[in-house]
Amino acid sequence: MAIAADIPAGLTRRAKGFIRSHGYWTGRHDVERYRVRWAEHGVPAAQIDRVAAFEAVWGGLALPPSPHYDGGPRTLSGDVPEGPDPDWHFEAGMQRTALPYAFMIGPNGEFGLHAGKWVPLHASVEGWVEALALADHARNWARTTTTLKGAAVNELVLDGFEAVPEVAGLADTWWRGTDSLVAVYRGEAEVMDAPQCLTATIYAGLDEWGLRGRGPTG
């Protein structure tokens, strides 16, 4: 179980409740142990500082699997940065299963996929965690759940829907309607140039609690 004092600030009440109920900490890495070795291999100090800052907030956090990307990282954990400037990335955590891409943190703090090319899913780690929490919430409260694949996703009509801001969506986005939530997952399709992997999930039959859960902040 996550200890309240360990839950990162800046998350919605829904995401904090998700971590508190379903998350646990496996232990943070001491990045300082690797600083000299990484610097000897040409990693700038500022990039090592980024990994240390990530590890201090998120290191060792294990959460339930994502509905996509074969569940996402097993735990959030930073590793040696990979360059060169200005596009340094570092690993966000090991995959749960064998995948053709890695989960990484981008040069501006984005959470995304890397497989020879970089596809940011969310503008922040917080966005990834918020998306996990929202998927868990929607799955529990929706009366019906429908999954679309490939070309059918591009035919979705989202007029009248609003983007869900807390997920900080880039390749992956969430949309809120009057009685439904729609999650669109483009990351795998983009990183592997595989349009058949494009996926959307529609959670329908939601009341106000189902649409928003625990509210924006706190």
C-alpha atoms as a PDB file:
ATOM      1  CA  MET A   1       0.000   0.000   0.000  1.00  0.00           C
ATOM      2  CA  ALA A   2       1.158   3.535  -0.717  1.00  0.00           C
ATOM      3  CA  ILE A   3       1.894   5.685   2.323  1.00  0.00           C
ATOM      4  CA  ALA A   4       0.069   9.014   2.100  1.00  0.00           C
ATOM      5  CA  ALA A   5       3.268  11.003   2.656  1.00  0.00           C
ATOM      6  CA  ASP A   6       4.831   9.281  -0.367  1.00  0.00           C
ATOM      7  CA  ILE A   7       2.049  10.153  -2.816  1.00  0.00           C
ATOM      8  CA  PRO A   8       3.331  12.829  -5.215  1.00  0.00           C
ATOM      9  CA  ALA A   9       1.729  16.260  -5.109  1.00  0.00           C
ATOM     10  CA  GLY A  10      -0.070  17.738  -8.080  1.00  0.00           C
ATOM     11  CA  LEU A  11      -2.354  14.779  -8.763  1.00  0.00           C
ATOM     12  CA  THR A  12      -6.143  14.773  -8.686  1.00  0.00           C
ATOM     13  CA  ARG A  13      -7.930  13.241  -5.716  1.00  0.00           C
ATOM     14  CA  ARG A  14      -8.906  10.382  -8.016  1.00  0.00           C
ATOM     15  CA  ALA A  15      -5.270   9.579  -8.859  1.00  0.00           C
ATOM     16  CA  LYS A  16      -4.155   9.939  -5.241  1.00  0.00           C
ATOM     17  CA  GLY A  17      -6.914   7.541  -4.181  1.00  0.00           C
ATOM     18  CA  PHE A  18      -5.830   5.129  -6.913  1.00  0.00           C
ATOM     19  CA  ILE A  19      -2.238   5.122  -5.665  1.00  0.00           C
ATOM     20  CA  ARG A  20      -3.346   4.860  -2.045  1.00  0.00           C
ATOM     21  CA  SER A  21      -5.637   1.899  -2.766  1.00  0.00           C
ATOM     22  CA  HIS A  22      -3.680   0.010  -5.424  1.00  0.00           C
ATOM     23  CA  GLY A  23      -0.072   1.200  -5.396  1.00  0.00           C
ATOM     24  CA  TYR A  24       2.956   0.233  -3.358  1.00  0.00           C
ATOM     25  CA  TRP A  25       6.621   1.189  -3.219  1.00  0.00           C
ATOM     26  CA  THR A  26       9.350  -1.311  -3.975  1.00  0.00           C
ATOM     27  CA  GLY A  27      12.211   0.993  -2.997  1.00  0.00           C
ATOM     28  CA  ARG A  28      13.998   3.871  -4.701  1.00  0.00           C
ATOM     29  CA  HIS A  29      17.420   3.612  -6.331  1.00  0.00           C
ATOM     30  CA  ASP A  30      20.270   5.797  -5.102  1.00  0.00           C
ATOM     31  CA  VAL A  31      21.173   7.571  -8.342  1.00  0.00           C
ATOM     32  CA  GLU A  32      24.192   9.196  -6.701  1.00  0.00           C
ATOM     33  CA  ARG A  33      25.899   5.793  -6.654  1.00  0.00           C
ATOM     34  CA  TYR A  34      26.034   5.926 -10.465  1.00  0.00           C
ATOM     35  CA  ARG A  35      26.841   9.597 -10.990  1.00  0.00           C
ATOM     36  CA  VAL A  36      30.601   9.247 -11.466  1.00  0.00           C
ATOM     37  CA  ARG A  37      30.280   6.213 -13.762  1.00  0.00           C
ATOM     38  CA  TRP A  38      27.622   7.857 -15.913  1.00  0.00           C
ATOM     39  CA  ALA A  39      29.629  11.077 -16.122  1.00  0.00           C
ATOM     40  CA  GLU A  40      32.660   9.081 -17.292  1.00  0.00           C
ATOM     41  CA  HIS A  41      30.507   7.786 -20.134  1.00  0.00           C
ATOM     42  CA  GLY A  42      29.644  11.321 -21.224  1.00  0.00           C
ATOM     43  CA  VAL A  43      26.310  11.864 -19.506  1.00  0.00           C
ATOM     44  CA  PRO A  44      25.954  15.563 -18.560  1.00  0.00           C
ATOM     45  CA  ALA A  45      25.372  16.396 -14.914  1.00  0.00           C
ATOM     46  CA  ALA A  46      22.037  18.040 -15.745  1.00  0.00           C
ATOM     47  CA  GLN A  47      20.759  14.775 -17.213  1.00  0.00           C
ATOM     48  CA  ILE A  48      21.845  12.811 -14.153  1.00  0.00           C
ATOM     49  CA  ASP A  49      20.046  15.392 -12.042  1.00  0.00           C
ATOM     50  CA  ARG A  50      16.865  14.727 -14.046  1.00  0.00           C
ATOM     51  CA  VAL A  51      17.025  11.004 -13.273  1.00  0.00           C
ATOM     52  CA  ALA A  52      17.671  11.748  -9.601  1.00  0.00           C
ATOM     53  CA  ALA A  53      14.667  14.097  -9.469  1.00  0.00           C
ATOM     54  CA  PHE A  54      12.442  11.494 -11.162  1.00  0.00           C
ATOM     55  CA  GLU A  55      13.618   8.773  -8.798  1.00  0.00           C
ATOM     56  CA  ALA A  56      13.025  10.968  -5.742  1.00  0.00           C
ATOM     57  CA  VAL A  57       9.349  11.387  -6.677  1.00  0.00           C
ATOM     58  CA  TRP A  58       8.389   8.247  -8.593  1.00  0.00           C
ATOM     59  CA  GLY A  59      11.130   5.686  -8.044  1.00  0.00           C
ATOM     60  CA  GLY A  60       9.854   2.261  -7.017  1.00  0.00           C
ATOM     61  CA  LEU A  61       6.155   3.005  -7.454  1.00  0.00           C
ATOM     62  CA  ALA A  62       4.284  -0.093  -8.664  1.00  0.00           C
ATOM     63  CA  LEU A  63       0.754   0.360  -9.997  1.00  0.00           C
ATOM     64  CA  PRO A  64      -1.823  -1.970 -11.561  1.00  0.00           C
ATOM     65  CA  PRO A  65      -1.280  -2.618 -15.271  1.00  0.00           C
ATOM     66  CA  SER A  66      -2.434  -0.277 -17.981  1.00  0.00           C
ATOM     67  CA  PRO A  67      -5.149  -1.626 -20.300  1.00  0.00           C
ATOM     68  CA  HIS A  68      -2.655  -1.197 -23.170  1.00  0.00           C
ATOM     69  CA  TYR A  69       1.086  -1.426 -23.828  1.00  0.00           C
ATOM     70  CA  ASP A  70       0.974  -4.842 -22.157  1.00  0.00           C
ATOM     71  CA  GLY A  71       0.437  -3.111 -18.865  1.00  0.00           C
ATOM     72  CA  GLY A  72       3.155  -0.465 -18.971  1.00  0.00           C
ATOM     73  CA  PRO A  73       6.200  -0.417 -16.683  1.00  0.00           C
ATOM     74  CA  ARG A  74       6.259  -2.950 -13.853  1.00  0.00           C
ATOM     75  CA  THR A  75       7.517  -0.195 -11.552  1.00  0.00           C
ATOM     76  CA  LEU A  76       8.567   3.379 -12.224  1.00  0.00           C
ATOM     77  CA  SER A  77      12.347   3.503 -12.044  1.00  0.00           C
ATOM     78  CA  GLY A  78      14.914   5.758 -13.729  1.00  0.00           C
ATOM     79  CA  ASP A  79      18.045   4.504 -15.489  1.00  0.00           C
ATOM     80  CA  VAL A  80      21.096   5.836 -17.334  1.00  0.00           C
ATOM     81  CA  PRO A  81      20.231   8.682 -19.738  1.00  0.00           C
ATOM     82  CA  GLU A  82      20.706   8.180 -23.457  1.00  0.00           C
ATOM     83  CA  GLY A  83      21.708  11.123 -25.674  1.00  0.00           C
ATOM     84  CA  PRO A  84      22.902  13.100 -27.418  1.00  0.00           C
ATOM     85  CA  ASP A  85      21.711  16.669 -26.795  1.00  0.00           C
ATOM     86  CA  PRO A  86      19.135  18.047 -27.042  1.00  0.00           C
ATOM     87  CA  ASP A  87      17.122  14.839 -27.030  1.00  0.00           C
ATOM     88  CA  TRP A  88      18.260  13.017 -23.903  1.00  0.00           C
ATOM     89  CA  HIS A  89      15.881  10.307 -22.680  1.00  0.00           C
ATOM     90  CA  PHE A  90      16.010   7.883 -19.783  1.00  0.00           C
ATOM     91  CA  GLU A  91      14.148   4.699 -19.017  1.00  0.00           C
ATOM     92  CA  ALA A  92      10.962   5.086 -16.967  1.00  0.00           C
ATOM     93  CA  GLY A  93      10.785   1.443 -15.856  1.00  0.00           C
ATOM     94  CA  MET A  94      11.135  -2.086 -17.173  1.00  0.00           C
ATOM     95  CA  GLN A  95       8.377  -3.667 -19.266  1.00  0.00           C
ATOM     96  CA  ARG A  96       6.156  -6.351 -17.755  1.00  0.00           C
ATOM     97  CA  THR A  97       6.447  -8.422 -20.953  1.00  0.00           C
ATOM     98  CA  ALA A  98       8.713  -8.524 -24.009  1.00  0.00           C
ATOM     99  CA  LEU A  99       7.897  -5.482 -26.161  1.00  0.00           C
ATOM    100  CA  PRO A 100       9.511  -3.880 -29.234  1.00  0.00           C
ATOM    101  CA  TYR A 101       9.762  -0.529 -27.443  1.00  0.00           C
ATOM    102  CA  ALA A 102      10.875   0.919 -24.117  1.00  0.00           C
ATOM    103  CA  PHE A 103       9.058   3.235 -21.706  1.00  0.00           C
ATOM    104  CA  MET A 104      11.063   6.425 -21.391  1.00  0.00           C
ATOM    105  CA  ILE A 105      11.050   9.967 -20.051  1.00  0.00           C
ATOM    106  CA  GLY A 106      11.664  12.545 -22.755  1.00  0.00           C
ATOM    107  CA  PRO A 107      13.749  15.718 -22.820  1.00  0.00           C
ATOM    108  CA  ASN A 108      10.897  17.823 -21.449  1.00  0.00           C
ATOM    109  CA  GLY A 109       9.628  15.315 -18.880  1.00  0.00           C
ATOM    110  CA  GLU A 110       7.183  13.553 -21.204  1.00  0.00           C
ATOM    111  CA  PHE A 111       6.244   9.916 -20.626  1.00  0.00           C
ATOM    112  CA  GLY A 112       6.324   7.865 -23.802  1.00  0.00           C
ATOM    113  CA  LEU A 113       7.591   5.056 -26.002  1.00  0.00           C
ATOM    114  CA  HIS A 114      10.977   4.722 -27.687  1.00  0.00           C
ATOM    115  CA  ALA A 115      11.889   2.248 -30.410  1.00  0.00           C
ATOM    116  CA  GLY A 116      14.349   4.013 -32.664  1.00  0.00           C
ATOM    117  CA  LYS A 117      11.917   6.911 -32.682  1.00  0.00           C
ATOM    118  CA  TRP A 118      10.328   8.802 -29.820  1.00  0.00           C
ATOM    119  CA  VAL A 119       6.550   8.963 -29.306  1.00  0.00           C
ATOM    120  CA  PRO A 120       5.472  10.864 -26.171  1.00  0.00           C
ATOM    121  CA  LEU A 121       2.162   9.582 -24.795  1.00  0.00           C
ATOM    122  CA  HIS A 122       1.651  12.178 -22.056  1.00  0.00           C
ATOM    123  CA  ALA A 123       3.315  15.508 -21.345  1.00  0.00           C
ATOM    124  CA  SER A 124       4.305  14.309 -17.858  1.00  0.00           C
ATOM    125  CA  VAL A 125       4.571  11.247 -15.635  1.00  0.00           C
ATOM    126  CA  GLU A 126       1.588  12.645 -13.763  1.00  0.00           C
ATOM    127  CA  GLY A 127      -0.399  12.376 -16.984  1.00  0.00           C
ATOM    128  CA  TRP A 128       0.420   8.679 -17.322  1.00  0.00           C
ATOM    129  CA  VAL A 129      -0.622   8.017 -13.723  1.00  0.00           C
ATOM    130  CA  GLU A 130      -3.811  10.049 -14.149  1.00  0.00           C
ATOM    131  CA  ALA A 131      -4.672   7.991 -17.245  1.00  0.00           C
ATOM    132  CA  LEU A 132      -4.179   4.750 -15.308  1.00  0.00           C
ATOM    133  CA  ALA A 133      -6.419   6.029 -12.523  1.00  0.00           C
ATOM    134  CA  LEU A 134      -9.092   7.222 -14.934  1.00  0.00           C
ATOM    135  CA  ALA A 135      -9.121   3.883 -16.794  1.00  0.00           C
ATOM    136  CA  ASP A 136      -9.560   2.049 -13.500  1.00  0.00           C
ATOM    137  CA  HIS A 137     -12.361   4.383 -12.462  1.00  0.00           C
ATOM    138  CA  ALA A 138     -14.186   4.279 -15.806  1.00  0.00           C
ATOM    139  CA  ARG A 139     -13.951   0.494 -16.031  1.00  0.00           C
ATOM    140  CA  ASN A 140     -15.627   0.193 -12.628  1.00  0.00           C
ATOM    141  CA  TRP A 141     -18.487   2.627 -13.300  1.00  0.00           C
ATOM    142  CA  ALA A 142     -19.350   2.266 -17.001  1.00  0.00           C
ATOM    143  CA  ARG A 143     -22.484   0.356 -17.914  1.00  0.00           C
ATOM    144  CA  THR A 144     -20.963  -0.642 -21.254  1.00  0.00           C
ATOM    145  CA  THR A 145     -17.410  -0.727 -22.591  1.00  0.00           C
ATOM    146  CA  THR A 146     -16.655  -0.824 -26.320  1.00  0.00           C
ATOM    147  CA  THR A 147     -13.228  -1.163 -27.968  1.00  0.00           C
ATOM    148  CA  LEU A 148     -12.469   0.058 -31.492  1.00  0.00           C
ATOM    149  CA  LYS A 149      -9.370  -0.846 -33.494  1.00  0.00           C
ATOM    150  CA  GLY A 150      -7.550   0.497 -36.537  1.00  0.00           C
ATOM    151  CA  ALA A 151      -9.426   2.638 -39.035  1.00  0.00           C
ATOM    152  CA  ALA A 152     -12.593   2.595 -36.926  1.00  0.00           C
ATOM    153  CA  VAL A 153     -10.857   4.842 -34.374  1.00  0.00           C
ATOM    154  CA  ASN A 154     -10.432   7.608 -36.958  1.00  0.00           C
ATOM    155  CA  GLU A 155     -14.177   7.506 -37.570  1.00  0.00           C
ATOM    156  CA  LEU A 156     -14.971   8.436 -33.974  1.00  0.00           C
ATOM    157  CA  VAL A 157     -17.022  11.626 -33.732  1.00  0.00           C
ATOM    158  CA  LEU A 158     -16.014  13.581 -30.642  1.00  0.00           C
ATOM    159  CA  ASP A 159     -18.026  16.739 -31.286  1.00  0.00           C
ATOM    160  CA  GLY A 160     -19.310  17.976 -27.952  1.00  0.00           C
ATOM    161  CA  PHE A 161     -16.604  16.126 -26.006  1.00  0.00           C
ATOM    162  CA  GLU A 162     -13.944  17.941 -24.018  1.00  0.00           C
ATOM    163  CA  ALA A 163     -10.359  16.833 -23.585  1.00  0.00           C
ATOM    164  CA  VAL A 164      -9.594  15.581 -20.063  1.00  0.00           C
ATOM    165  CA  PRO A 165      -6.782  17.972 -19.057  1.00  0.00           C
ATOM    166  CA  GLU A 166      -5.237  16.060 -16.171  1.00  0.00           C
ATOM    167  CA  VAL A 167      -3.987  13.228 -18.407  1.00  0.00           C
ATOM    168  CA  ALA A 168      -1.836  15.776 -20.300  1.00  0.00           C
ATOM    169  CA  GLY A 169      -2.496  13.846 -23.484  1.00  0.00           C
ATOM    170  CA  LEU A 170      -0.166  13.834 -26.476  1.00  0.00           C
ATOM    171  CA  ALA A 171      -0.330  10.614 -28.532  1.00  0.00           C
ATOM    172  CA  ASP A 172      -2.816   9.211 -26.004  1.00  0.00           C
ATOM    173  CA  THR A 173      -5.859  11.311 -25.098  1.00  0.00           C
ATOM    174  CA  TRP A 174      -9.033  11.093 -23.006  1.00  0.00           C
ATOM    175  CA  TRP A 175     -12.320  12.775 -23.869  1.00  0.00           C
ATOM    176  CA  ARG A 176     -15.331  13.478 -21.626  1.00  0.00           C
ATOM    177  CA  GLY A 177     -18.890  13.670 -22.965  1.00  0.00           C
ATOM    178  CA  THR A 178     -22.278  14.014 -21.297  1.00  0.00           C
ATOM    179  CA  ASP A 179     -22.466  10.348 -20.251  1.00  0.00           C
ATOM    180  CA  SER A 180     -19.282   8.731 -21.558  1.00  0.00           C
ATOM    181  CA  LEU A 181     -15.507   8.783 -21.490  1.00  0.00           C
ATOM    182  CA  VAL A 182     -13.396   7.922 -24.531  1.00  0.00           C
ATOM    183  CA  ALA A 183      -9.742   6.897 -24.348  1.00  0.00           C
ATOM    184  CA  VAL A 184      -7.722   7.029 -27.578  1.00  0.00           C
ATOM    185  CA  TYR A 185      -4.384   5.178 -27.671  1.00  0.00           C
ATOM    186  CA  ARG A 186      -2.179   6.145 -30.632  1.00  0.00           C
ATOM    187  CA  GLY A 187       1.260   5.484 -29.146  1.00  0.00           C
ATOM    188  CA  GLU A 188       1.815   1.907 -30.261  1.00  0.00           C
ATOM    189  CA  ALA A 189       0.506   2.611 -33.763  1.00  0.00           C
ATOM    190  CA  GLU A 190       2.882   5.557 -34.115  1.00  0.00           C
ATOM    191  CA  VAL A 191       6.037   4.078 -32.617  1.00  0.00           C
ATOM    192  CA  MET A 192       5.763   0.877 -34.683  1.00  0.00           C
ATOM    193  CA  ASP A 193       4.216   2.464 -37.802  1.00  0.00           C
ATOM    194  CA  ALA A 194       1.359  -0.006 -37.341  1.00  0.00           C
ATOM    195  CA  PRO A 195      -2.006   1.734 -37.877  1.00  0.00           C
ATOM    196  CA  GLN A 196      -3.834  -1.498 -37.053  1.00  0.00           C
ATOM    197  CA  CYS A 197      -2.693  -1.019 -33.439  1.00  0.00           C
ATOM    198  CA  LEU A 198      -4.638   2.228 -33.086  1.00  0.00           C
ATOM    199  CA  THR A 199      -7.157   1.652 -30.280  1.00  0.00           C
ATOM    200  CA  ALA A 200     -10.018   3.499 -28.602  1.00  0.00           C
ATOM    201  CA  THR A 201     -12.119   2.467 -25.637  1.00  0.00           C
ATOM    202  CA  ILE A 202     -15.562   3.959 -25.033  1.00  0.00           C
ATOM    203  CA  TYR A 203     -16.910   3.844 -21.477  1.00  0.00           C
ATOM    204  CA  ALA A 204     -20.636   4.648 -21.686  1.00  0.00           C
ATOM    205  CA  GLY A 205     -23.578   5.006 -19.312  1.00  0.00           C
ATOM    206  CA  LEU A 206     -21.737   7.173 -16.771  1.00  0.00           C
ATOM    207  CA  ASP A 207     -23.369   9.540 -14.291  1.00  0.00           C
ATOM    208  CA  GLU A 208     -21.615  12.633 -12.929  1.00  0.00           C
ATOM    209  CA  TRP A 209     -19.613  10.570 -10.445  1.00  0.00           C
ATOM    210  CA  GLY A 210     -18.654   8.144 -13.190  1.00  0.00           C
ATOM    211  CA  LEU A 211     -17.517  10.994 -15.430  1.00  0.00           C
ATOM    212  CA  ARG A 212     -15.353  12.725 -12.840  1.00  0.00           C
ATOM    213  CA  GLY A 213     -14.837  10.598  -9.763  1.00  0.00           C
ATOM    214  CA  ARG A 214     -12.987  12.308  -6.951  1.00  0.00           C
ATOM    215  CA  GLY A 215     -12.742  15.721  -8.537  1.00  0.00           C
ATOM    216  CA  PRO A 216      -9.842  17.845  -9.731  1.00  0.00           C
ATOM    217  CA  THR A 217      -7.423  18.402  -6.895  1.00  0.00           C
ATOM    218  CA  GLY A 218      -6.557  17.678  -3.312  1.00  0.00           C
END
